[in-house]
Amino acid sequence: MVITDKSLVITFAIPVFFLLILIEYIYGRYVGKNTYRLNDTFTSISIGMISRYPTMLNLGFQSAVFIYISSNLNLNMLSNLNPATWILAFLCMIFHTIGCIECIMR
């Protein structure tokens, strides 16, 4: 199973979407039967923007957690010789990976 980055697909789809809207409008004017409706365009653009909110909120939450941890827990004091440091790093990596997999599966 190939997992693609959905944000990359949407990034490329937006210019194509606007190009197709323009083609539909020009073709409708050329034929004399214009079926283009502006409200459909606004609806489609709004739904596309709303679909990006969970990703943006997740990124903002991760940044806030990172800033809190780095400023309040003083991670510079962790020794790389202490096994507890490596266990903590491993657990953080596992929980982060599980969270990323859950976000991808949605």
Protein backbone atom coordinates (compact mmCIF):
# COMPACT_ATOMS: atom_id res chain seq x y z
CA MET A 1 0.00 0.00 0.00
CA VAL A 2 1.44 3.34 -1.03
CA ILE A 3 0.81 6.24 1.33
CA THR A 4 0.85 9.60 -0.42
CA ASP A 5 1.08 13.01 1.16
CA LYS A 6 -2.45 14.35 0.81
CA SER A 7 -1.36 17.96 1.24
CA LEU A 8 0.86 17.64 -1.83
CA VAL A 9 -2.04 16.34 -3.89
CA ILE A 10 -4.26 19.22 -2.76
CA THR A 11 -1.47 21.72 -3.47
CA PHE A 12 -1.32 20.56 -7.08
CA ALA A 13 -5.10 20.21 -7.39
CA ILE A 14 -5.88 23.84 -6.54
CA PRO A 15 -4.35 25.42 -9.69
CA VAL A 16 -5.89 22.67 -11.84
CA PHE A 17 -9.26 23.35 -10.20
CA PHE A 18 -9.08 27.05 -11.07
CA LEU A 19 -7.95 26.23 -14.61
CA LEU A 20 -10.91 23.90 -15.10
CA ILE A 21 -13.28 26.58 -13.77
CA LEU A 22 -11.87 29.02 -16.31
CA ILE A 23 -12.19 26.47 -19.12
CA GLU A 24 -15.80 25.72 -18.14
CA TYR A 25 -16.67 29.42 -18.10
CA ILE A 26 -14.99 30.15 -21.45
CA TYR A 27 -16.57 27.09 -23.10
CA GLY A 28 -20.01 28.03 -21.78
CA ARG A 29 -19.69 31.56 -23.14
CA TYR A 30 -18.39 30.25 -26.48
CA VAL A 31 -21.24 27.77 -26.95
CA GLY A 32 -23.83 30.24 -25.66
CA LYS A 33 -25.05 27.95 -22.89
CA ASN A 34 -23.21 29.07 -19.77
CA THR A 35 -23.79 26.59 -16.93
CA TYR A 36 -21.12 28.03 -14.64
CA ARG A 37 -22.38 29.01 -11.17
CA LEU A 38 -20.32 31.07 -8.77
CA ASN A 39 -21.91 29.55 -5.65
CA ASP A 40 -20.63 26.07 -6.67
CA THR A 41 -17.12 27.48 -6.89
CA PHE A 42 -17.31 29.03 -3.43
CA THR A 43 -18.70 25.79 -1.98
CA SER A 44 -15.93 23.68 -3.49
CA ILE A 45 -13.20 26.08 -2.36
CA SER A 46 -14.66 26.25 1.15
CA ILE A 47 -14.80 22.46 1.47
CA GLY A 48 -11.19 22.21 0.25
CA MET A 49 -10.05 24.76 2.85
CA ILE A 50 -11.98 23.03 5.65
CA SER A 51 -10.33 19.72 4.76
CA ARG A 52 -6.94 21.29 5.59
CA TYR A 53 -7.91 22.46 9.11
CA PRO A 54 -7.17 19.21 11.00
CA THR A 55 -3.65 19.10 9.54
CA MET A 56 -2.99 22.72 10.46
CA LEU A 57 -4.38 22.28 13.97
CA ASN A 58 -2.30 19.14 14.51
CA LEU A 59 0.83 20.98 13.37
CA GLY A 60 0.07 23.90 15.70
CA PHE A 61 -0.52 21.56 18.65
CA GLN A 62 2.76 19.72 18.04
CA SER A 63 4.61 23.04 17.85
CA ALA A 64 3.06 24.25 21.10
CA VAL A 65 4.04 21.02 22.87
CA PHE A 66 7.59 21.22 21.52
CA ILE A 67 7.98 24.85 22.60
CA TYR A 68 6.64 24.05 26.09
CA ILE A 69 8.93 21.05 26.53
CA SER A 70 12.03 22.81 25.21
CA SER A 71 11.52 25.92 27.34
CA ASN A 72 10.30 24.36 30.62
CA LEU A 73 11.95 20.95 30.87
CA ASN A 74 15.50 22.03 29.92
CA LEU A 75 16.32 19.12 27.67
CA ASN A 76 19.98 20.16 27.51
CA MET A 77 20.46 18.56 30.93
CA LEU A 78 19.66 15.02 29.71
CA SER A 79 22.79 12.90 29.53
CA ASN A 80 23.32 10.59 26.60
CA LEU A 81 25.06 8.14 28.96
CA ASN A 82 21.94 7.69 31.08
CA PRO A 83 19.76 4.73 29.93
CA ALA A 84 16.61 6.57 31.05
CA THR A 85 17.28 9.20 28.37
CA TRP A 86 17.32 6.57 25.64
CA ILE A 87 14.21 4.84 26.99
CA LEU A 88 12.36 8.17 27.10
CA ALA A 89 13.48 9.01 23.55
CA PHE A 90 12.37 5.58 22.32
CA LEU A 91 8.93 5.90 23.95
CA CYS A 92 8.45 9.40 22.53
CA MET A 93 9.38 8.14 19.07
CA ILE A 94 6.95 5.19 19.32
CA PHE A 95 4.04 7.37 20.51
CA HIS A 96 4.75 9.95 17.81
CA THR A 97 4.85 7.25 15.12
CA ILE A 98 1.55 5.76 16.30
CA GLY A 99 -0.02 9.25 16.25
CA CYS A 100 1.23 9.89 12.71
CA ILE A 101 -0.10 6.54 11.50
CA GLU A 102 -3.54 7.33 13.02
CA CYS A 103 -3.58 10.73 11.27
CA ILE A 104 -2.67 9.12 7.93
CA MET A 105 -5.33 6.43 8.28
CA ARG A 106 -8.13 9.02 8.78
